[in-house]
Each structure stands twice: as C-alpha cells, then as structure tokens.
Amino acid sequence: MKEKSCAILGPEPLKFPWGYDEEDERCGALKLILLNMVNFWLVETIKTFVVVLDAGIGLYAAEIISELKEKDSEISLTCVVP
C-alpha cells in the first residue's frame, strides 16, 4: 500500500479578521477545525505531515501535530520554511 501524506499551508494572520490575536474566539474555532481535520487524517492512516511553517495556519497545525506526535511515535512532521 502506498503511504499517504498531507501538506498543510494557509494564509498569513493578517488575512484573518482577528489578525495575530490568538485569544479571539474565531482563532480558537479555526484551531479546533484544524485539530479535528488532523485527527480525521490520522484515522485515515495518514501519519506523514508536511507543514509550511508560516505565522498562521502552518504554525497552528505544527503545534497541533507536535502535541499529537508525543502520543503517537508513528506521526512524522516536516516543517518547511516559506
């Protein structure tokens, strides 16, 4: 079976209505959506993630995947500097 991977990238925080304010409830909702999507991909046996490490979506996703990686050593995270 061919190994599947997932690449994650997105807009910079200046494109979000809340900007860099991670305390904004909309930012929290976005992070929850990312967490749910990463968990969905893990269930689908996608364990390899490549993240464009920008100040927005990439950073949020990398933080989430790093935490999950502590519990599952099969998860692979590669961060790419834009």
N, C-alpha and C. Protein backbone atom coordinates (compact mmCIF):
# COMPACT_ATOMS: atom_id res chain seq x y z
N MET A 1 0.84 -1.18 0.00
CA MET A 1 0.00 0.00 0.00
C MET A 1 0.88 1.25 0.00
N LYS A 2 0.52 2.20 -0.81
CA LYS A 2 1.28 3.43 -0.93
C LYS A 2 1.02 4.33 0.28
N GLU A 3 2.11 4.87 0.86
CA GLU A 3 1.98 5.74 2.01
C GLU A 3 1.37 7.08 1.59
N LYS A 4 0.43 7.55 2.38
CA LYS A 4 -0.21 8.84 2.12
C LYS A 4 0.41 9.90 3.02
N SER A 5 0.43 11.12 2.53
CA SER A 5 0.91 12.24 3.34
C SER A 5 -0.02 13.42 3.13
N CYS A 6 0.14 14.40 3.98
CA CYS A 6 -0.71 15.58 3.95
C CYS A 6 0.16 16.83 4.04
N ALA A 7 -0.06 17.78 3.15
CA ALA A 7 0.64 19.06 3.20
C ALA A 7 -0.35 20.12 3.69
N ILE A 8 0.13 20.98 4.60
CA ILE A 8 -0.74 22.00 5.17
C ILE A 8 -0.10 23.37 4.99
N LEU A 9 -0.86 24.28 4.41
CA LEU A 9 -0.44 25.66 4.28
C LEU A 9 -1.70 26.53 4.26
N GLY A 10 -1.53 27.80 4.49
CA GLY A 10 -2.68 28.68 4.50
C GLY A 10 -2.26 30.14 4.56
N PRO A 11 -3.23 31.02 4.69
CA PRO A 11 -2.93 32.45 4.68
C PRO A 11 -2.22 32.91 5.96
N GLU A 12 -1.53 34.03 5.84
CA GLU A 12 -0.90 34.65 7.00
C GLU A 12 -1.97 35.25 7.89
N PRO A 13 -1.66 35.46 9.17
CA PRO A 13 -2.64 36.01 10.10
C PRO A 13 -3.21 37.37 9.68
N LEU A 14 -2.48 38.16 8.94
CA LEU A 14 -3.01 39.46 8.51
C LEU A 14 -4.23 39.30 7.61
N LYS A 15 -4.41 38.13 7.02
CA LYS A 15 -5.57 37.86 6.17
C LYS A 15 -6.80 37.49 7.00
N PHE A 16 -6.59 37.13 8.28
CA PHE A 16 -7.70 36.78 9.15
C PHE A 16 -8.32 38.04 9.74
N PRO A 17 -9.63 38.06 9.97
CA PRO A 17 -10.25 39.23 10.60
C PRO A 17 -9.67 39.53 11.98
N TRP A 18 -9.17 38.51 12.69
CA TRP A 18 -8.64 38.69 14.04
C TRP A 18 -7.13 38.95 14.04
N GLY A 19 -6.49 38.92 12.86
CA GLY A 19 -5.06 39.20 12.77
C GLY A 19 -4.24 38.20 13.57
N TYR A 20 -3.38 38.71 14.45
CA TYR A 20 -2.50 37.87 15.26
C TYR A 20 -3.09 37.53 16.63
N ASP A 21 -4.32 37.93 16.89
CA ASP A 21 -4.94 37.73 18.21
C ASP A 21 -5.41 36.29 18.38
N GLU A 22 -4.54 35.45 18.95
CA GLU A 22 -4.89 34.04 19.15
C GLU A 22 -5.93 33.84 20.26
N GLU A 23 -6.24 34.88 21.01
CA GLU A 23 -7.26 34.79 22.05
C GLU A 23 -8.67 35.00 21.47
N ASP A 24 -8.76 35.46 20.24
CA ASP A 24 -10.05 35.68 19.59
C ASP A 24 -10.76 34.34 19.43
N GLU A 25 -12.05 34.31 19.68
CA GLU A 25 -12.79 33.05 19.62
C GLU A 25 -12.80 32.45 18.21
N ARG A 26 -12.71 33.28 17.18
CA ARG A 26 -12.66 32.76 15.81
C ARG A 26 -11.35 32.02 15.55
N CYS A 27 -10.27 32.50 16.15
CA CYS A 27 -8.99 31.81 16.04
C CYS A 27 -9.08 30.45 16.74
N GLY A 28 -9.68 30.44 17.91
CA GLY A 28 -9.88 29.18 18.63
C GLY A 28 -10.73 28.19 17.84
N ALA A 29 -11.75 28.70 17.16
CA ALA A 29 -12.60 27.84 16.33
C ALA A 29 -11.81 27.27 15.16
N LEU A 30 -10.95 28.09 14.56
CA LEU A 30 -10.10 27.62 13.46
C LEU A 30 -9.15 26.52 13.93
N LYS A 31 -8.55 26.73 15.11
CA LYS A 31 -7.64 25.72 15.65
C LYS A 31 -8.37 24.41 15.94
N LEU A 32 -9.60 24.50 16.40
CA LEU A 32 -10.40 23.30 16.66
C LEU A 32 -10.71 22.56 15.36
N ILE A 33 -11.00 23.31 14.31
CA ILE A 33 -11.23 22.69 13.00
C ILE A 33 -9.96 21.98 12.53
N LEU A 34 -8.81 22.64 12.69
CA LEU A 34 -7.54 22.00 12.32
C LEU A 34 -7.31 20.72 13.11
N LEU A 35 -7.54 20.76 14.42
CA LEU A 35 -7.38 19.57 15.26
C LEU A 35 -8.28 18.44 14.77
N ASN A 36 -9.53 18.77 14.48
CA ASN A 36 -10.47 17.75 14.00
C ASN A 36 -10.03 17.17 12.67
N MET A 37 -9.51 18.01 11.78
CA MET A 37 -9.05 17.52 10.47
C MET A 37 -7.82 16.63 10.63
N VAL A 38 -6.87 17.04 11.46
CA VAL A 38 -5.68 16.21 11.67
C VAL A 38 -6.08 14.86 12.26
N ASN A 39 -6.98 14.86 13.22
CA ASN A 39 -7.45 13.60 13.80
C ASN A 39 -8.15 12.74 12.75
N PHE A 40 -8.92 13.37 11.86
CA PHE A 40 -9.57 12.63 10.77
C PHE A 40 -8.53 11.98 9.88
N TRP A 41 -7.49 12.74 9.51
CA TRP A 41 -6.44 12.19 8.65
C TRP A 41 -5.71 11.05 9.34
N LEU A 42 -5.50 11.16 10.64
CA LEU A 42 -4.85 10.07 11.38
C LEU A 42 -5.70 8.81 11.33
N VAL A 43 -7.01 8.95 11.46
CA VAL A 43 -7.91 7.80 11.36
C VAL A 43 -7.83 7.19 9.96
N GLU A 44 -7.61 8.03 8.96
CA GLU A 44 -7.48 7.57 7.58
C GLU A 44 -6.06 7.05 7.30
N THR A 45 -5.29 6.84 8.33
CA THR A 45 -3.91 6.32 8.30
C THR A 45 -2.91 7.24 7.63
N ILE A 46 -3.20 8.52 7.60
CA ILE A 46 -2.22 9.50 7.13
C ILE A 46 -1.41 9.92 8.35
N LYS A 47 -0.13 9.57 8.35
CA LYS A 47 0.72 9.85 9.51
C LYS A 47 1.89 10.76 9.17
N THR A 48 2.02 11.14 7.90
CA THR A 48 3.12 11.99 7.47
C THR A 48 2.56 13.36 7.10
N PHE A 49 3.06 14.38 7.77
CA PHE A 49 2.58 15.75 7.56
C PHE A 49 3.74 16.65 7.17
N VAL A 50 3.51 17.47 6.16
CA VAL A 50 4.47 18.49 5.74
C VAL A 50 3.75 19.82 5.91
N VAL A 51 4.35 20.70 6.72
CA VAL A 51 3.70 21.95 7.06
C VAL A 51 4.57 23.12 6.64
N VAL A 52 3.97 24.08 5.91
CA VAL A 52 4.67 25.32 5.60
C VAL A 52 4.59 26.17 6.87
N LEU A 53 5.72 26.36 7.48
CA LEU A 53 5.78 26.97 8.81
C LEU A 53 5.74 28.50 8.73
N ASP A 54 4.56 29.02 8.46
CA ASP A 54 4.36 30.46 8.47
C ASP A 54 3.75 30.86 9.81
N ALA A 55 3.43 32.11 9.97
CA ALA A 55 2.92 32.58 11.26
C ALA A 55 1.44 32.28 11.47
N GLY A 56 0.78 31.67 10.51
CA GLY A 56 -0.66 31.42 10.63
C GLY A 56 -0.99 29.95 10.71
N ILE A 57 -1.71 29.47 9.70
CA ILE A 57 -2.19 28.09 9.65
C ILE A 57 -1.06 27.10 9.86
N GLY A 58 0.07 27.33 9.23
CA GLY A 58 1.20 26.41 9.36
C GLY A 58 1.66 26.25 10.79
N LEU A 59 1.80 27.35 11.49
CA LEU A 59 2.24 27.29 12.89
C LEU A 59 1.18 26.62 13.75
N TYR A 60 -0.08 26.98 13.54
CA TYR A 60 -1.16 26.34 14.31
C TYR A 60 -1.15 24.83 14.09
N ALA A 61 -1.05 24.41 12.83
CA ALA A 61 -1.06 22.98 12.51
C ALA A 61 0.15 22.28 13.09
N ALA A 62 1.33 22.89 12.99
CA ALA A 62 2.55 22.27 13.53
C ALA A 62 2.45 22.08 15.03
N GLU A 63 1.88 23.05 15.74
CA GLU A 63 1.70 22.92 17.19
C GLU A 63 0.79 21.75 17.51
N ILE A 64 -0.32 21.64 16.78
CA ILE A 64 -1.28 20.55 17.00
C ILE A 64 -0.63 19.19 16.72
N ILE A 65 0.04 19.08 15.58
CA ILE A 65 0.66 17.81 15.20
C ILE A 65 1.78 17.44 16.17
N SER A 66 2.55 18.41 16.63
CA SER A 66 3.62 18.15 17.60
C SER A 66 3.06 17.55 18.88
N GLU A 67 1.95 18.10 19.36
CA GLU A 67 1.33 17.56 20.57
C GLU A 67 0.84 16.14 20.35
N LEU A 68 0.22 15.88 19.20
CA LEU A 68 -0.27 14.53 18.91
C LEU A 68 0.89 13.56 18.73
N LYS A 69 2.00 14.05 18.18
CA LYS A 69 3.19 13.22 17.96
C LYS A 69 3.77 12.69 19.27
N GLU A 70 3.61 13.44 20.35
CA GLU A 70 4.09 12.98 21.65
C GLU A 70 3.39 11.70 22.09
N LYS A 71 2.16 11.48 21.62
CA LYS A 71 1.39 10.30 21.99
C LYS A 71 1.47 9.18 20.96
N ASP A 72 1.89 9.53 19.74
CA ASP A 72 1.94 8.56 18.65
C ASP A 72 3.25 8.74 17.89
N SER A 73 4.21 7.86 18.16
CA SER A 73 5.55 7.99 17.56
C SER A 73 5.57 7.72 16.06
N GLU A 74 4.48 7.20 15.49
CA GLU A 74 4.42 6.94 14.05
C GLU A 74 4.17 8.22 13.26
N ILE A 75 3.74 9.27 13.91
CA ILE A 75 3.47 10.53 13.21
C ILE A 75 4.79 11.19 12.86
N SER A 76 4.85 11.64 11.61
CA SER A 76 6.04 12.34 11.11
C SER A 76 5.64 13.77 10.75
N LEU A 77 6.42 14.72 11.23
CA LEU A 77 6.16 16.12 10.94
C LEU A 77 7.41 16.75 10.33
N THR A 78 7.25 17.30 9.14
CA THR A 78 8.32 18.04 8.48
C THR A 78 7.85 19.46 8.29
N CYS A 79 8.64 20.41 8.76
CA CYS A 79 8.30 21.82 8.62
C CYS A 79 9.16 22.45 7.54
N VAL A 80 8.53 23.19 6.65
CA VAL A 80 9.21 23.85 5.55
C VAL A 80 9.13 25.35 5.79
N VAL A 81 10.28 26.02 5.72
CA VAL A 81 10.31 27.47 5.90
C VAL A 81 9.89 28.12 4.59
N PRO A 82 8.91 29.04 4.64
CA PRO A 82 8.45 29.66 3.39
C PRO A 82 9.51 30.58 2.80
